[in-house]
Amino acid sequence: MRAEALKGHLDALLLAVLEDGPQHGYAVIETIRDGSGGTFDLPTGTVYPALHRLERSGFVHSRWDTVGGRRRRTYELTLTGRQVLSKEREVWNTFSTAVSTLLARRPWPATS
């Protein structure tokens, strides 16, 4: 699935992935891919700019770590990010319920 299909939902997915604890950028990409059964295989050019945007908004913060001699940036959810994620979940639940209802096969009443 193309990254454009996630437009408007990418930030919520990134926040959700970081909910259980800090992850470096590539681990975020792997978690999204693995957690979606491979449906969302997002390129780095989509994920990293979104993580930077979330950091500028105060929803995540990052730090540089060195692991095995390699530097990598680790991202972590902030308290504000947790609050935003909670609101995003509410919005998603309302949206997905409405879409599922409309997409269900059923005879619709005739309109006049």
C-alpha atoms as a PDB file:
ATOM      1  CA  MET A   1       0.000   0.000   0.000  1.00  0.00           C
ATOM      2  CA  ARG A   2       1.304   3.422  -0.915  1.00  0.00           C
ATOM      3  CA  ALA A   3       2.144   5.984   1.747  1.00  0.00           C
ATOM      4  CA  GLU A   4      -0.443   8.365   0.252  1.00  0.00           C
ATOM      5  CA  ALA A   5      -3.181   5.989   1.439  1.00  0.00           C
ATOM      6  CA  LEU A   6      -2.213   6.839   5.006  1.00  0.00           C
ATOM      7  CA  LYS A   7      -2.564  10.571   4.529  1.00  0.00           C
ATOM      8  CA  GLY A   8      -4.108  11.995   7.665  1.00  0.00           C
ATOM      9  CA  HIS A   9      -3.391   8.842   9.694  1.00  0.00           C
ATOM     10  CA  LEU A  10       0.391   8.534   9.580  1.00  0.00           C
ATOM     11  CA  ASP A  11       1.006  10.686  12.646  1.00  0.00           C
ATOM     12  CA  ALA A  12      -1.410   8.608  14.741  1.00  0.00           C
ATOM     13  CA  LEU A  13       0.287   5.391  13.609  1.00  0.00           C
ATOM     14  CA  LEU A  14       3.719   6.746  14.503  1.00  0.00           C
ATOM     15  CA  LEU A  15       2.525   7.882  17.929  1.00  0.00           C
ATOM     16  CA  ALA A  16       0.918   4.482  18.542  1.00  0.00           C
ATOM     17  CA  VAL A  17       4.131   2.660  17.619  1.00  0.00           C
ATOM     18  CA  LEU A  18       6.056   4.770  20.133  1.00  0.00           C
ATOM     19  CA  GLU A  19       3.497   4.274  22.899  1.00  0.00           C
ATOM     20  CA  ASP A  20       5.268   1.232  24.368  1.00  0.00           C
ATOM     21  CA  GLY A  21       8.650   2.909  24.562  1.00  0.00           C
ATOM     22  CA  PRO A  22      11.467   4.586  22.651  1.00  0.00           C
ATOM     23  CA  GLN A  23      12.516   3.280  19.247  1.00  0.00           C
ATOM     24  CA  HIS A  24      15.059   4.331  16.680  1.00  0.00           C
ATOM     25  CA  GLY A  25      13.735   5.387  13.293  1.00  0.00           C
ATOM     26  CA  TYR A  26      14.322   2.157  11.416  1.00  0.00           C
ATOM     27  CA  ALA A  27      12.692   0.155  14.242  1.00  0.00           C
ATOM     28  CA  VAL A  28       9.624   2.376  13.856  1.00  0.00           C
ATOM     29  CA  ILE A  29       9.471   1.485  10.161  1.00  0.00           C
ATOM     30  CA  GLU A  30       9.857  -2.235  10.943  1.00  0.00           C
ATOM     31  CA  THR A  31       7.197  -2.115  13.652  1.00  0.00           C
ATOM     32  CA  ILE A  32       4.704  -0.504  11.287  1.00  0.00           C
ATOM     33  CA  ARG A  33       5.501  -3.021   8.546  1.00  0.00           C
ATOM     34  CA  ASP A  34       5.405  -6.048  10.855  1.00  0.00           C
ATOM     35  CA  GLY A  35       2.408  -4.826  12.849  1.00  0.00           C
ATOM     36  CA  SER A  36       0.401  -4.350   9.660  1.00  0.00           C
ATOM     37  CA  GLY A  37       1.347  -7.738   8.245  1.00  0.00           C
ATOM     38  CA  GLY A  38       3.397  -6.003   5.559  1.00  0.00           C
ATOM     39  CA  THR A  39       0.522  -3.813   4.357  1.00  0.00           C
ATOM     40  CA  PHE A  40       2.267  -0.610   5.411  1.00  0.00           C
ATOM     41  CA  ASP A  41       5.841  -0.824   4.141  1.00  0.00           C
ATOM     42  CA  LEU A  42       6.691   2.846   4.361  1.00  0.00           C
ATOM     43  CA  PRO A  43       9.837   4.405   2.919  1.00  0.00           C
ATOM     44  CA  THR A  44      12.279   6.292   5.113  1.00  0.00           C
ATOM     45  CA  GLY A  45      11.448   9.421   3.107  1.00  0.00           C
ATOM     46  CA  THR A  46       7.930   9.265   4.529  1.00  0.00           C
ATOM     47  CA  VAL A  47       8.639   8.231   8.118  1.00  0.00           C
ATOM     48  CA  TYR A  48      11.626  10.390   9.067  1.00  0.00           C
ATOM     49  CA  PRO A  49      10.094  13.720   7.990  1.00  0.00           C
ATOM     50  CA  ALA A  50       6.933  12.784   9.885  1.00  0.00           C
ATOM     51  CA  LEU A  51       8.940  11.963  13.029  1.00  0.00           C
ATOM     52  CA  HIS A  52      10.750  15.305  12.729  1.00  0.00           C
ATOM     53  CA  ARG A  53       7.407  17.091  12.329  1.00  0.00           C
ATOM     54  CA  LEU A  54       6.035  15.309  15.422  1.00  0.00           C
ATOM     55  CA  GLU A  55       9.138  16.383  17.322  1.00  0.00           C
ATOM     56  CA  ARG A  56       8.731  20.027  16.267  1.00  0.00           C
ATOM     57  CA  SER A  57       5.117  19.806  17.475  1.00  0.00           C
ATOM     58  CA  GLY A  58       6.252  18.530  20.878  1.00  0.00           C
ATOM     59  CA  PHE A  59       4.579  15.117  20.507  1.00  0.00           C
ATOM     60  CA  VAL A  60       7.861  13.174  20.525  1.00  0.00           C
ATOM     61  CA  HIS A  61      11.395  13.959  21.552  1.00  0.00           C
ATOM     62  CA  SER A  62      14.573  12.375  20.321  1.00  0.00           C
ATOM     63  CA  ARG A  63      18.098  11.740  21.446  1.00  0.00           C
ATOM     64  CA  TRP A  64      21.217  10.399  19.770  1.00  0.00           C
ATOM     65  CA  ASP A  65      22.534   7.045  20.988  1.00  0.00           C
ATOM     66  CA  THR A  66      25.547   5.034  19.935  1.00  0.00           C
ATOM     67  CA  VAL A  67      24.937   1.311  19.555  1.00  0.00           C
ATOM     68  CA  GLY A  68      27.639  -0.985  18.256  1.00  0.00           C
ATOM     69  CA  GLY A  69      29.705   2.026  17.242  1.00  0.00           C
ATOM     70  CA  ARG A  70      26.854   3.460  15.141  1.00  0.00           C
ATOM     71  CA  ARG A  71      24.948   6.605  15.987  1.00  0.00           C
ATOM     72  CA  ARG A  72      21.201   6.445  15.731  1.00  0.00           C
ATOM     73  CA  ARG A  73      18.376   8.704  16.738  1.00  0.00           C
ATOM     74  CA  THR A  74      15.838   7.325  19.192  1.00  0.00           C
ATOM     75  CA  TYR A  75      12.320   8.752  19.388  1.00  0.00           C
ATOM     76  CA  GLU A  76      10.068   8.751  22.440  1.00  0.00           C
ATOM     77  CA  LEU A  77       6.492   9.846  23.036  1.00  0.00           C
ATOM     78  CA  THR A  78       5.985  12.912  25.248  1.00  0.00           C
ATOM     79  CA  LEU A  79       3.059  13.450  27.614  1.00  0.00           C
ATOM     80  CA  THR A  80       1.516  15.766  25.022  1.00  0.00           C
ATOM     81  CA  GLY A  81       2.028  13.051  22.404  1.00  0.00           C
ATOM     82  CA  ARG A  82       0.166  10.559  24.602  1.00  0.00           C
ATOM     83  CA  GLN A  83      -2.724  12.983  24.935  1.00  0.00           C
ATOM     84  CA  VAL A  84      -2.801  13.574  21.177  1.00  0.00           C
ATOM     85  CA  LEU A  85      -2.727   9.803  20.563  1.00  0.00           C
ATOM     86  CA  SER A  86      -5.718   9.340  22.850  1.00  0.00           C
ATOM     87  CA  LYS A  87      -7.689  11.971  20.900  1.00  0.00           C
ATOM     88  CA  GLU A  88      -6.567  10.476  17.567  1.00  0.00           C
ATOM     89  CA  ARG A  89      -7.880   7.085  18.687  1.00  0.00           C
ATOM     90  CA  GLU A  90     -11.274   8.600  19.455  1.00  0.00           C
ATOM     91  CA  VAL A  91     -11.377  10.273  16.040  1.00  0.00           C
ATOM     92  CA  TRP A  92     -10.299   7.036  14.329  1.00  0.00           C
ATOM     93  CA  ASN A  93     -12.942   4.970  16.129  1.00  0.00           C
ATOM     94  CA  THR A  94     -15.698   7.363  15.058  1.00  0.00           C
ATOM     95  CA  PHE A  95     -14.387   7.546  11.486  1.00  0.00           C
ATOM     96  CA  SER A  96     -13.801   3.806  11.027  1.00  0.00           C
ATOM     97  CA  THR A  97     -17.195   2.897  12.481  1.00  0.00           C
ATOM     98  CA  ALA A  98     -18.945   5.281  10.088  1.00  0.00           C
ATOM     99  CA  VAL A  99     -16.980   4.014   7.061  1.00  0.00           C
ATOM    100  CA  SER A 100     -17.552   0.364   8.003  1.00  0.00           C
ATOM    101  CA  THR A 101     -21.264   1.012   8.364  1.00  0.00           C
ATOM    102  CA  LEU A 102     -21.447   2.645   4.940  1.00  0.00           C
ATOM    103  CA  LEU A 103     -19.348  -0.016   3.234  1.00  0.00           C
ATOM    104  CA  ALA A 104     -21.347  -2.918   4.657  1.00  0.00           C
ATOM    105  CA  ARG A 105     -23.471  -4.587   2.022  1.00  0.00           C
ATOM    106  CA  ARG A 106     -27.087  -3.946   2.829  1.00  0.00           C
ATOM    107  CA  PRO A 107     -30.096  -2.586   1.077  1.00  0.00           C
ATOM    108  CA  TRP A 108     -30.296   1.131   1.677  1.00  0.00           C
ATOM    109  CA  PRO A 109     -33.693   2.775   2.055  1.00  0.00           C
ATOM    110  CA  ALA A 110     -34.904   4.648  -0.990  1.00  0.00           C
ATOM    111  CA  THR A 111     -34.667   8.398  -0.772  1.00  0.00           C
ATOM    112  CA  SER A 112     -37.286  10.695  -2.117  1.00  0.00           C
END
